[in-house]
C-alpha atoms as a PDB file:
ATOM      1  CA  UNK A   1      -2.064   8.679 -10.179  1.00  0.00           C
ATOM      2  CA  UNK A   2      -4.583   7.471 -12.836  1.00  0.00           C
ATOM      3  CA  UNK A   3      -7.806   7.029 -11.820  1.00  0.00           C
ATOM      4  CA  UNK A   4     -11.540   7.515 -11.955  1.00  0.00           C
ATOM      5  CA  UNK A   5     -14.682   7.399 -10.289  1.00  0.00           C
ATOM      6  CA  UNK A   6     -16.948   4.262 -10.159  1.00  0.00           C
ATOM      7  CA  UNK A   7     -20.269   6.280 -10.249  1.00  0.00           C
ATOM      8  CA  UNK A   8     -22.248   4.204  -8.779  1.00  0.00           C
ATOM      9  CA  UNK A   9     -20.333   2.736  -5.981  1.00  0.00           C
ATOM     10  CA  UNK A  10     -17.853   5.949  -5.591  1.00  0.00           C
ATOM     11  CA  UNK A  11     -15.044   3.657  -5.970  1.00  0.00           C
ATOM     12  CA  UNK A  12     -11.461   4.298  -7.264  1.00  0.00           C
ATOM     13  CA  UNK A  13     -11.325   2.776 -10.667  1.00  0.00           C
ATOM     14  CA  UNK A  14      -7.636   2.452 -11.653  1.00  0.00           C
ATOM     15  CA  UNK A  15      -7.390   3.444 -15.582  1.00  0.00           C
ATOM     16  CA  UNK A  16      -3.324   3.490 -15.491  1.00  0.00           C
ATOM     17  CA  UNK A  17      -0.619   1.060 -14.169  1.00  0.00           C
ATOM     18  CA  UNK A  18       2.049   3.755 -12.414  1.00  0.00           C
ATOM     19  CA  UNK A  19       0.536   2.403  -8.695  1.00  0.00           C
ATOM     20  CA  UNK A  20       2.406  -0.526  -9.823  1.00  0.00           C
ATOM     21  CA  UNK A  21       5.132   0.755 -10.986  1.00  0.00           C
ATOM     22  CA  UNK A  22       6.001   2.430  -8.249  1.00  0.00           C
ATOM     23  CA  UNK A  23       9.541   1.088  -7.415  1.00  0.00           C
ATOM     24  CA  UNK A  24      10.473   1.172 -10.682  1.00  0.00           C
ATOM     25  CA  UNK A  25       9.667   4.417 -11.793  1.00  0.00           C
ATOM     26  CA  UNK A  26      12.635   6.173 -12.538  1.00  0.00           C
ATOM     27  CA  UNK A  27      13.674   2.942 -14.955  1.00  0.00           C
ATOM     28  CA  UNK A  28      10.663   3.118 -17.450  1.00  0.00           C
ATOM     29  CA  UNK A  29      10.678   7.301 -17.637  1.00  0.00           C
ATOM     30  CA  UNK A  30      14.228   6.527 -18.301  1.00  0.00           C
ATOM     31  CA  UNK A  31      13.107   4.265 -21.196  1.00  0.00           C
ATOM     32  CA  UNK A  32      10.434   6.577 -22.008  1.00  0.00           C
ATOM     33  CA  UNK A  33      12.387   9.667 -22.585  1.00  0.00           C
ATOM     34  CA  UNK A  34      14.905   7.461 -24.404  1.00  0.00           C
ATOM     35  CA  UNK A  35      12.176   6.663 -26.735  1.00  0.00           C
ATOM     36  CA  UNK A  36      10.679  10.420 -26.993  1.00  0.00           C
ATOM     37  CA  UNK A  37      14.246  11.611 -28.237  1.00  0.00           C
ATOM     38  CA  UNK A  38      14.638   9.149 -30.986  1.00  0.00           C
ATOM     39  CA  UNK A  39      11.331   9.693 -31.794  1.00  0.00           C
ATOM     40  CA  UNK A  40      11.670  13.799 -32.082  1.00  0.00           C
ATOM     41  CA  UNK A  41      15.265  13.059 -34.161  1.00  0.00           C
ATOM     42  CA  UNK A  42      13.441  10.931 -36.816  1.00  0.00           C
ATOM     43  CA  UNK A  43      10.756  14.120 -37.083  1.00  0.00           C
ATOM     44  CA  UNK A  44       8.299  11.775 -35.782  1.00  0.00           C
ATOM     45  CA  UNK A  45       4.609  12.516 -33.999  1.00  0.00           C
ATOM     46  CA  UNK A  46       3.541   9.994 -31.134  1.00  0.00           C
ATOM     47  CA  UNK A  47       0.278   9.537 -33.824  1.00  0.00           C
ATOM     48  CA  UNK A  48       2.710   8.492 -36.403  1.00  0.00           C
ATOM     49  CA  UNK A  49       5.689   6.282 -34.329  1.00  0.00           C
ATOM     50  CA  UNK A  50       2.427   4.305 -33.313  1.00  0.00           C
ATOM     51  CA  UNK A  51       0.695   4.172 -37.287  1.00  0.00           C
ATOM     52  CA  UNK A  52       4.278   2.472 -37.692  1.00  0.00           C
ATOM     53  CA  UNK A  53       4.649   0.279 -34.508  1.00  0.00           C
ATOM     54  CA  UNK A  54       1.184  -1.051 -34.813  1.00  0.00           C
ATOM     55  CA  UNK A  55       0.356   1.111 -30.955  1.00  0.00           C
ATOM     56  CA  UNK A  56      -2.371   3.500 -30.647  1.00  0.00           C
ATOM     57  CA  UNK A  57      -1.236   7.116 -30.031  1.00  0.00           C
ATOM     58  CA  UNK A  58      -2.027   7.689 -25.950  1.00  0.00           C
ATOM     59  CA  UNK A  59      -0.126   4.307 -25.598  1.00  0.00           C
ATOM     60  CA  UNK A  60       3.001   5.744 -26.755  1.00  0.00           C
ATOM     61  CA  UNK A  61       2.497   8.627 -25.128  1.00  0.00           C
ATOM     62  CA  UNK A  62       1.310   6.975 -21.666  1.00  0.00           C
ATOM     63  CA  UNK A  63       4.855   4.596 -21.819  1.00  0.00           C
ATOM     64  CA  UNK A  64       7.019   7.968 -22.736  1.00  0.00           C
ATOM     65  CA  UNK A  65       5.720   9.692 -19.569  1.00  0.00           C
ATOM     66  CA  UNK A  66       6.886   6.350 -17.680  1.00  0.00           C
ATOM     67  CA  UNK A  67       3.170   5.766 -16.783  1.00  0.00           C
ATOM     68  CA  UNK A  68       2.857   2.271 -18.665  1.00  0.00           C
ATOM     69  CA  UNK A  69       5.074  -0.530 -18.901  1.00  0.00           C
ATOM     70  CA  UNK A  70       6.994  -1.025 -22.196  1.00  0.00           C
ATOM     71  CA  UNK A  71       6.324  -4.386 -23.301  1.00  0.00           C
ATOM     72  CA  UNK A  72       9.111  -6.582 -24.833  1.00  0.00           C
ATOM     73  CA  UNK A  73       7.291  -6.527 -28.324  1.00  0.00           C
ATOM     74  CA  UNK A  74       6.859  -2.787 -27.773  1.00  0.00           C
ATOM     75  CA  UNK A  75      10.006  -2.271 -27.421  1.00  0.00           C
ATOM     76  CA  UNK A  76      11.093  -4.512 -30.108  1.00  0.00           C
ATOM     77  CA  UNK A  77       8.875  -2.788 -32.607  1.00  0.00           C
ATOM     78  CA  UNK A  78      10.113   0.920 -31.223  1.00  0.00           C
ATOM     79  CA  UNK A  79      13.821  -0.245 -32.061  1.00  0.00           C
ATOM     80  CA  UNK A  80      13.460  -1.476 -35.234  1.00  0.00           C
ATOM     81  CA  UNK A  81      11.522   2.113 -36.150  1.00  0.00           C
ATOM     82  CA  UNK A  82      13.478   4.598 -35.569  1.00  0.00           C
ATOM     83  CA  UNK A  83      16.623   2.407 -36.390  1.00  0.00           C
ATOM     84  CA  UNK A  84      17.826   2.002 -32.675  1.00  0.00           C
ATOM     85  CA  UNK A  85      20.528  -0.188 -33.385  1.00  0.00           C
ATOM     86  CA  UNK A  86      19.325  -2.364 -30.408  1.00  0.00           C
ATOM     87  CA  UNK A  87      19.388   0.244 -27.524  1.00  0.00           C
ATOM     88  CA  UNK A  88      15.542  -0.395 -26.154  1.00  0.00           C
ATOM     89  CA  UNK A  89      14.966  -4.107 -27.474  1.00  0.00           C
ATOM     90  CA  UNK A  90      17.941  -5.057 -25.305  1.00  0.00           C
ATOM     91  CA  UNK A  91      15.856  -3.415 -22.715  1.00  0.00           C
ATOM     92  CA  UNK A  92      12.942  -5.584 -22.717  1.00  0.00           C
ATOM     93  CA  UNK A  93      13.905  -8.796 -20.190  1.00  0.00           C
ATOM     94  CA  UNK A  94      15.201  -6.150 -17.458  1.00  0.00           C
ATOM     95  CA  UNK A  95      11.307  -4.619 -17.972  1.00  0.00           C
ATOM     96  CA  UNK A  96      10.254  -7.710 -16.983  1.00  0.00           C
ATOM     97  CA  UNK A  97      12.333  -8.524 -14.653  1.00  0.00           C
ATOM     98  CA  UNK A  98      11.900  -5.106 -12.515  1.00  0.00           C
ATOM     99  CA  UNK A  99       7.957  -5.146 -13.205  1.00  0.00           C
ATOM    100  CA  UNK A 100       8.121  -8.679 -11.624  1.00  0.00           C
ATOM    101  CA  UNK A 101       9.856  -7.506  -8.969  1.00  0.00           C
ATOM    102  CA  UNK A 102       7.742  -5.232  -8.106  1.00  0.00           C
ATOM    103  CA  UNK A 103       4.725  -7.127  -8.121  1.00  0.00           C
ATOM    104  CA  UNK A 104       6.632  -9.140  -5.929  1.00  0.00           C
ATOM    105  CA  UNK A 105       6.672  -6.030  -3.216  1.00  0.00           C
ATOM    106  CA  UNK A 106       2.683  -5.817  -2.484  1.00  0.00           C
ATOM    107  CA  UNK A 107      -0.013  -8.318  -3.832  1.00  0.00           C
ATOM    108  CA  UNK A 108      -1.397  -5.788  -6.521  1.00  0.00           C
ATOM    109  CA  UNK A 109      -4.936  -5.497  -4.993  1.00  0.00           C
ATOM    110  CA  UNK A 110      -2.925  -3.471  -1.702  1.00  0.00           C
ATOM    111  CA  UNK A 111      -0.919  -1.396  -4.250  1.00  0.00           C
ATOM    112  CA  UNK A 112      -3.360   1.344  -4.721  1.00  0.00           C
ATOM    113  CA  UNK A 113      -3.504   1.967  -0.391  1.00  0.00           C
ATOM    114  CA  UNK A 114      -0.297   1.738  -0.348  1.00  0.00           C
ATOM    115  CA  UNK A 115       0.404   5.044  -3.024  1.00  0.00           C
ATOM    116  CA  UNK A 116      -2.073   7.308  -1.040  1.00  0.00           C
ATOM    117  CA  UNK A 117      -0.223   5.690   2.724  1.00  0.00           C
ATOM    118  CA  UNK A 118       3.060   7.317   1.385  1.00  0.00           C
ATOM    119  CA  UNK A 119       1.959  10.611   1.257  1.00  0.00           C
ATOM    120  CA  UNK A 120      -0.801  10.769   4.072  1.00  0.00           C
ATOM    121  CA  UNK A 121      -1.260  13.327   6.374  1.00  0.00           C
ATOM    122  CA  UNK A 122      -3.782  11.589   8.942  1.00  0.00           C
ATOM    123  CA  UNK A 123      -4.450   7.800   9.243  1.00  0.00           C
ATOM    124  CA  UNK A 124      -6.417   6.012  11.804  1.00  0.00           C
ATOM    125  CA  UNK A 125      -6.576   2.319  11.664  1.00  0.00           C
ATOM    126  CA  UNK A 126      -9.203  -0.126  13.356  1.00  0.00           C
ATOM    127  CA  UNK A 127      -8.036  -3.856  13.908  1.00  0.00           C
ATOM    128  CA  UNK A 128      -9.685  -6.911  14.547  1.00  0.00           C
ATOM    129  CA  UNK A 129      -7.401  -9.095  12.885  1.00  0.00           C
ATOM    130  CA  UNK A 130      -3.578  -8.809  13.312  1.00  0.00           C
ATOM    131  CA  UNK A 131      -1.345  -6.168  14.517  1.00  0.00           C
ATOM    132  CA  UNK A 132      -1.543  -3.159  11.946  1.00  0.00           C
ATOM    133  CA  UNK A 133       1.019  -3.293   9.418  1.00  0.00           C
ATOM    134  CA  UNK A 134       2.596  -0.032  10.227  1.00  0.00           C
ATOM    135  CA  UNK A 135       3.081  -1.711  14.052  1.00  0.00           C
ATOM    136  CA  UNK A 136       4.438  -4.791  13.465  1.00  0.00           C
ATOM    137  CA  UNK A 137       7.697  -5.863  14.253  1.00  0.00           C
ATOM    138  CA  UNK A 138       9.924  -7.358  11.156  1.00  0.00           C
ATOM    139  CA  UNK A 139       9.661 -10.619  13.033  1.00  0.00           C
ATOM    140  CA  UNK A 140       5.845 -10.249  13.596  1.00  0.00           C
ATOM    141  CA  UNK A 141       5.726  -9.606  10.076  1.00  0.00           C
ATOM    142  CA  UNK A 142       7.708 -12.464   9.032  1.00  0.00           C
ATOM    143  CA  UNK A 143       5.781 -15.226  10.726  1.00  0.00           C
ATOM    144  CA  UNK A 144       2.268 -13.527   9.103  1.00  0.00           C
ATOM    145  CA  UNK A 145       3.667 -13.874   5.941  1.00  0.00           C
ATOM    146  CA  UNK A 146       5.045 -17.637   6.511  1.00  0.00           C
ATOM    147  CA  UNK A 147       1.963 -18.830   7.653  1.00  0.00           C
ATOM    148  CA  UNK A 148       0.018 -18.011   4.670  1.00  0.00           C
ATOM    149  CA  UNK A 149      -2.053 -20.389   2.510  1.00  0.00           C
ATOM    150  CA  UNK A 150      -1.431 -21.256   0.309  1.00  0.00           C
ATOM    151  CA  UNK A 151       2.099 -21.470   1.190  1.00  0.00           C
ATOM    152  CA  UNK A 152       4.652 -17.759  -0.375  1.00  0.00           C
ATOM    153  CA  UNK A 153       8.112 -18.610  -1.460  1.00  0.00           C
ATOM    154  CA  UNK A 154      10.993 -17.933   0.546  1.00  0.00           C
ATOM    155  CA  UNK A 155      11.764 -14.925  -2.379  1.00  0.00           C
ATOM    156  CA  UNK A 156       8.251 -13.290  -1.619  1.00  0.00           C
ATOM    157  CA  UNK A 157       8.331 -13.248   2.075  1.00  0.00           C
ATOM    158  CA  UNK A 158      11.414 -11.749   2.206  1.00  0.00           C
ATOM    159  CA  UNK A 159      10.578  -8.986  -0.182  1.00  0.00           C
ATOM    160  CA  UNK A 160       6.790  -8.383   1.188  1.00  0.00           C
ATOM    161  CA  UNK A 161       8.548  -8.631   4.666  1.00  0.00           C
ATOM    162  CA  UNK A 162      11.000  -5.711   3.365  1.00  0.00           C
ATOM    163  CA  UNK A 163       8.103  -4.049   1.753  1.00  0.00           C
ATOM    164  CA  UNK A 164       6.407  -4.170   5.095  1.00  0.00           C
ATOM    165  CA  UNK A 165       9.143  -2.329   6.867  1.00  0.00           C
ATOM    166  CA  UNK A 166       9.706   0.643   4.405  1.00  0.00           C
ATOM    167  CA  UNK A 167       6.592   2.101   4.928  1.00  0.00           C
ATOM    168  CA  UNK A 168       7.122   2.271   8.752  1.00  0.00           C
ATOM    169  CA  UNK A 169       8.858   5.616   7.565  1.00  0.00           C
ATOM    170  CA  UNK A 170       5.800   7.454   7.588  1.00  0.00           C
ATOM    171  CA  UNK A 171       6.084   7.099  10.839  1.00  0.00           C
ATOM    172  CA  UNK A 172       9.526   8.846  11.481  1.00  0.00           C
ATOM    173  CA  UNK A 173       9.235  11.531   8.753  1.00  0.00           C
ATOM    174  CA  UNK A 174       8.969  15.367  10.104  1.00  0.00           C
ATOM    175  CA  UNK A 175       6.418  17.315   9.788  1.00  0.00           C
ATOM    176  CA  UNK A 176       4.656  13.540  11.251  1.00  0.00           C
ATOM    177  CA  UNK A 177       1.464  13.018  10.291  1.00  0.00           C
ATOM    178  CA  UNK A 178      -1.304  12.427  12.777  1.00  0.00           C
ATOM    179  CA  UNK A 179      -1.708   8.577  13.163  1.00  0.00           C
ATOM    180  CA  UNK A 180      -4.342   6.554  15.396  1.00  0.00           C
ATOM    181  CA  UNK A 181      -5.039   2.728  16.353  1.00  0.00           C
ATOM    182  CA  UNK A 182      -8.118   0.908  17.791  1.00  0.00           C
ATOM    183  CA  UNK A 183      -6.914  -3.134  18.266  1.00  0.00           C
ATOM    184  CA  UNK A 184      -9.433  -5.189  19.500  1.00  0.00           C
ATOM    185  CA  UNK A 185      -7.945  -6.731  22.639  1.00  0.00           C
ATOM    186  CA  UNK A 186      -8.479 -10.420  20.955  1.00  0.00           C
ATOM    187  CA  UNK A 187      -5.505  -9.544  18.890  1.00  0.00           C
ATOM    188  CA  UNK A 188      -3.114  -8.669  21.756  1.00  0.00           C
ATOM    189  CA  UNK A 189      -4.280 -11.908  23.251  1.00  0.00           C
ATOM    190  CA  UNK A 190      -3.435 -13.863  20.062  1.00  0.00           C
ATOM    191  CA  UNK A 191       0.658 -15.033  19.694  1.00  0.00           C
ATOM    192  CA  UNK A 192       0.935 -15.715  16.792  1.00  0.00           C
ATOM    193  CA  UNK A 193       4.863 -16.429  15.556  1.00  0.00           C
ATOM    194  CA  UNK A 194       4.510 -18.108  19.086  1.00  0.00           C
ATOM    195  CA  UNK A 195       5.129 -16.243  22.469  1.00  0.00           C
ATOM    196  CA  UNK A 196       8.991 -14.424  22.265  1.00  0.00           C
ATOM    197  CA  UNK A 197       8.300 -12.963  18.586  1.00  0.00           C
ATOM    198  CA  UNK A 198       4.562 -12.123  20.311  1.00  0.00           C
ATOM    199  CA  UNK A 199       6.145 -10.138  23.669  1.00  0.00           C
ATOM    200  CA  UNK A 200       8.682  -8.341  21.406  1.00  0.00           C
ATOM    201  CA  UNK A 201       5.840  -6.942  19.567  1.00  0.00           C
ATOM    202  CA  UNK A 202       3.816  -6.143  22.666  1.00  0.00           C
ATOM    203  CA  UNK A 203       7.193  -3.994  23.974  1.00  0.00           C
ATOM    204  CA  UNK A 204       7.111  -2.351  20.326  1.00  0.00           C
ATOM    205  CA  UNK A 205       3.335  -1.083  20.782  1.00  0.00           C
ATOM    206  CA  UNK A 206       4.369   0.158  23.998  1.00  0.00           C
ATOM    207  CA  UNK A 207       7.017   1.972  22.559  1.00  0.00           C
ATOM    208  CA  UNK A 208       4.980   3.291  20.024  1.00  0.00           C
ATOM    209  CA  UNK A 209       2.447   4.078  22.310  1.00  0.00           C
ATOM    210  CA  UNK A 210       4.432   6.462  24.370  1.00  0.00           C
ATOM    211  CA  UNK A 211       5.584   8.647  20.739  1.00  0.00           C
ATOM    212  CA  UNK A 212       4.454  11.790  20.516  1.00  0.00           C
ATOM    213  CA  UNK A 213       1.512  11.968  18.251  1.00  0.00           C
ATOM    214  CA  UNK A 214       0.906   7.916  18.314  1.00  0.00           C
ATOM    215  CA  UNK A 215      -1.959   6.990  19.392  1.00  0.00           C
ATOM    216  CA  UNK A 216      -2.808   3.602  20.552  1.00  0.00           C
ATOM    217  CA  UNK A 217      -5.971   2.055  22.275  1.00  0.00           C
ATOM    218  CA  UNK A 218      -7.722  -1.666  23.139  1.00  0.00           C
ATOM    219  CA  UNK A 219     -10.870  -2.102  22.400  1.00  0.00           C
ATOM    220  CA  UNK A 220     -11.880  -4.676  25.311  1.00  0.00           C
ATOM    221  CA  UNK A 221     -13.473  -7.896  25.115  1.00  0.00           C
ATOM    222  CA  UNK A 222     -15.675  -7.386  27.617  1.00  0.00           C
ATOM    223  CA  UNK A 223     -17.727  -4.015  25.950  1.00  0.00           C
ATOM    224  CA  UNK A 224     -21.576  -4.874  25.371  1.00  0.00           C
ATOM    225  CA  UNK A 225     -21.416  -2.813  22.338  1.00  0.00           C
ATOM    226  CA  UNK A 226     -19.660  -2.884  19.662  1.00  0.00           C
ATOM    227  CA  UNK A 227     -19.693  -0.399  16.784  1.00  0.00           C
ATOM    228  CA  UNK A 228     -17.286  -2.060  14.798  1.00  0.00           C
ATOM    229  CA  UNK A 229     -18.869  -5.134  14.528  1.00  0.00           C
ATOM    230  CA  UNK A 230     -18.693  -4.649  10.482  1.00  0.00           C
ATOM    231  CA  UNK A 231     -14.952  -5.494  10.387  1.00  0.00           C
ATOM    232  CA  UNK A 232     -11.967  -3.894  10.569  1.00  0.00           C
ATOM    233  CA  UNK A 233     -11.116  -0.391   8.134  1.00  0.00           C
ATOM    234  CA  UNK A 234      -8.805   2.487   7.658  1.00  0.00           C
ATOM    235  CA  UNK A 235      -9.433   6.158   7.579  1.00  0.00           C
ATOM    236  CA  UNK A 236      -6.803   7.786   5.452  1.00  0.00           C
ATOM    237  CA  UNK A 237      -5.840  11.688   4.122  1.00  0.00           C
ATOM    238  CA  UNK A 238      -3.941  12.582   1.333  1.00  0.00           C
ATOM    239  CA  UNK A 239      -1.878  15.265   1.640  1.00  0.00           C
ATOM    240  CA  UNK A 240      -3.810  17.924  -0.458  1.00  0.00           C
ATOM    241  CA  UNK A 241      -7.162  15.748  -0.641  1.00  0.00           C
ATOM    242  CA  UNK A 242     -10.398  14.561   0.891  1.00  0.00           C
ATOM    243  CA  UNK A 243     -10.731  11.780   3.465  1.00  0.00           C
ATOM    244  CA  UNK A 244     -10.840   7.744   2.321  1.00  0.00           C
ATOM    245  CA  UNK A 245     -11.525   4.918   3.752  1.00  0.00           C
ATOM    246  CA  UNK A 246     -10.157   1.290   3.289  1.00  0.00           C
ATOM    247  CA  UNK A 247     -11.713  -1.954   3.329  1.00  0.00           C
ATOM    248  CA  UNK A 248      -9.955  -5.436   2.444  1.00  0.00           C
ATOM    249  CA  UNK A 249     -10.836  -9.607   2.976  1.00  0.00           C
ATOM    250  CA  UNK A 250      -9.082 -12.321   1.824  1.00  0.00           C
ATOM    251  CA  UNK A 251      -7.296 -10.761  -1.458  1.00  0.00           C
ATOM    252  CA  UNK A 252      -9.820  -8.140  -1.938  1.00  0.00           C
ATOM    253  CA  UNK A 253     -10.000  -4.471  -1.164  1.00  0.00           C
ATOM    254  CA  UNK A 254     -11.717  -1.589  -1.643  1.00  0.00           C
ATOM    255  CA  UNK A 255     -10.727   2.057  -1.699  1.00  0.00           C
ATOM    256  CA  UNK A 256     -13.613   4.663  -0.932  1.00  0.00           C
ATOM    257  CA  UNK A 257     -13.971   7.691  -1.939  1.00  0.00           C
ATOM    258  CA  UNK A 258     -17.269   8.287  -1.934  1.00  0.00           C
ATOM    259  CA  UNK A 259     -18.278  11.412   1.283  1.00  0.00           C
ATOM    260  CA  UNK A 260     -21.587  10.249   2.397  1.00  0.00           C
ATOM    261  CA  UNK A 261     -20.017   6.613   2.978  1.00  0.00           C
ATOM    262  CA  UNK A 262     -16.509   7.921   4.184  1.00  0.00           C
ATOM    263  CA  UNK A 263     -18.768  10.380   6.683  1.00  0.00           C
ATOM    264  CA  UNK A 264     -19.894   7.532   8.618  1.00  0.00           C
ATOM    265  CA  UNK A 265     -16.769   5.189   8.885  1.00  0.00           C
ATOM    266  CA  UNK A 266     -15.296   8.646  10.511  1.00  0.00           C
ATOM    267  CA  UNK A 267     -18.379   8.435  12.473  1.00  0.00           C
ATOM    268  CA  UNK A 268     -18.169   4.842  13.607  1.00  0.00           C
ATOM    269  CA  UNK A 269     -14.466   5.477  14.676  1.00  0.00           C
ATOM    270  CA  UNK A 270     -15.137   8.156  16.407  1.00  0.00           C
ATOM    271  CA  UNK A 271     -17.539   5.944  18.434  1.00  0.00           C
ATOM    272  CA  UNK A 272     -14.519   2.612  18.678  1.00  0.00           C
ATOM    273  CA  UNK A 273     -12.711   5.673  20.274  1.00  0.00           C
ATOM    274  CA  UNK A 274     -15.005   5.878  22.723  1.00  0.00           C
ATOM    275  CA  UNK A 275     -15.893   2.711  23.203  1.00  0.00           C
ATOM    276  CA  UNK A 276     -12.474   1.754  23.727  1.00  0.00           C
ATOM    277  CA  UNK A 277      -9.630   1.992  26.662  1.00  0.00           C
ATOM    278  CA  UNK A 278      -8.162   5.523  26.883  1.00  0.00           C
ATOM    279  CA  UNK A 279      -4.675   5.518  25.405  1.00  0.00           C
ATOM    280  CA  UNK A 280      -2.887   5.254  29.188  1.00  0.00           C
ATOM    281  CA  UNK A 281      -5.184   2.639  30.082  1.00  0.00           C
ATOM    282  CA  UNK A 282      -4.660   0.897  26.803  1.00  0.00           C
ATOM    283  CA  UNK A 283      -1.210   0.801  27.205  1.00  0.00           C
ATOM    284  CA  UNK A 284      -1.520  -0.591  31.029  1.00  0.00           C
ATOM    285  CA  UNK A 285      -3.571  -3.260  29.386  1.00  0.00           C
ATOM    286  CA  UNK A 286      -0.644  -4.164  27.292  1.00  0.00           C
ATOM    287  CA  UNK A 287       1.596  -4.424  29.947  1.00  0.00           C
ATOM    288  CA  UNK A 288      -0.526  -6.391  31.791  1.00  0.00           C
ATOM    289  CA  UNK A 289      -0.639  -9.130  29.197  1.00  0.00           C
ATOM    290  CA  UNK A 290       2.960  -8.944  29.281  1.00  0.00           C
ATOM    291  CA  UNK A 291       3.306  -9.603  32.471  1.00  0.00           C
ATOM    292  CA  UNK A 292       0.791 -12.750  32.602  1.00  0.00           C
ATOM    293  CA  UNK A 293       3.167 -15.127  31.002  1.00  0.00           C
END
């Protein structure tokens, strides 16, 4: 995953496109291998091919490795330069359709986090506005996307819901990672999608909360102290890497890698867990809310 550290903020700054291409990476790598094979058969280096078509050596290398989207004009130029007989040029439309489909699955500002979630061994989530994505039922997710403003098309809603459901695979893998959630009580009392959808969502939370290795805690409304007034956040630890922090608001997000800042977020999360109900008390409250209708 190509990335560089911002020296001032410690954030990850994306320098390549693989995080945008997760869903079609095999397709793009296959095209890259075709370009490499044709180039080598023509006896050209990456630099020489780049000079022939007016592109840099680094771009040629990135496309051959499947790290960059091969733009239509690039494919047409390479096709002509290597006498590919239309083999590469004909793939231009399919490439752009594949990339567009990938963009529909997750908004651009969220893809960096998703790429970490897929390889996480530990995830801790503090939620103040909605049920965390990994815990949402399909009906709840669809209701949330349907109420977005400006309105999303039905195609985008379908793909976003499917993508959210696919993310939940991380909860079923074995060996299972460590997961915990602290959810503000107000989230549990807001019946997004209507009561029937919400009731099914609450029952799903009960099921997850009773699953070994899954810890759900509720931060009650009557607490006089609240360590999370700064807003929701997630702590995530990718396999073999240091823990990261993640925050988002509206259509902006920030992936935090600075160790000192992540440590503060970790301490804050531990305080929130202490201020919340215990897991057993939390499930009891969810059952109580279900019984109020």
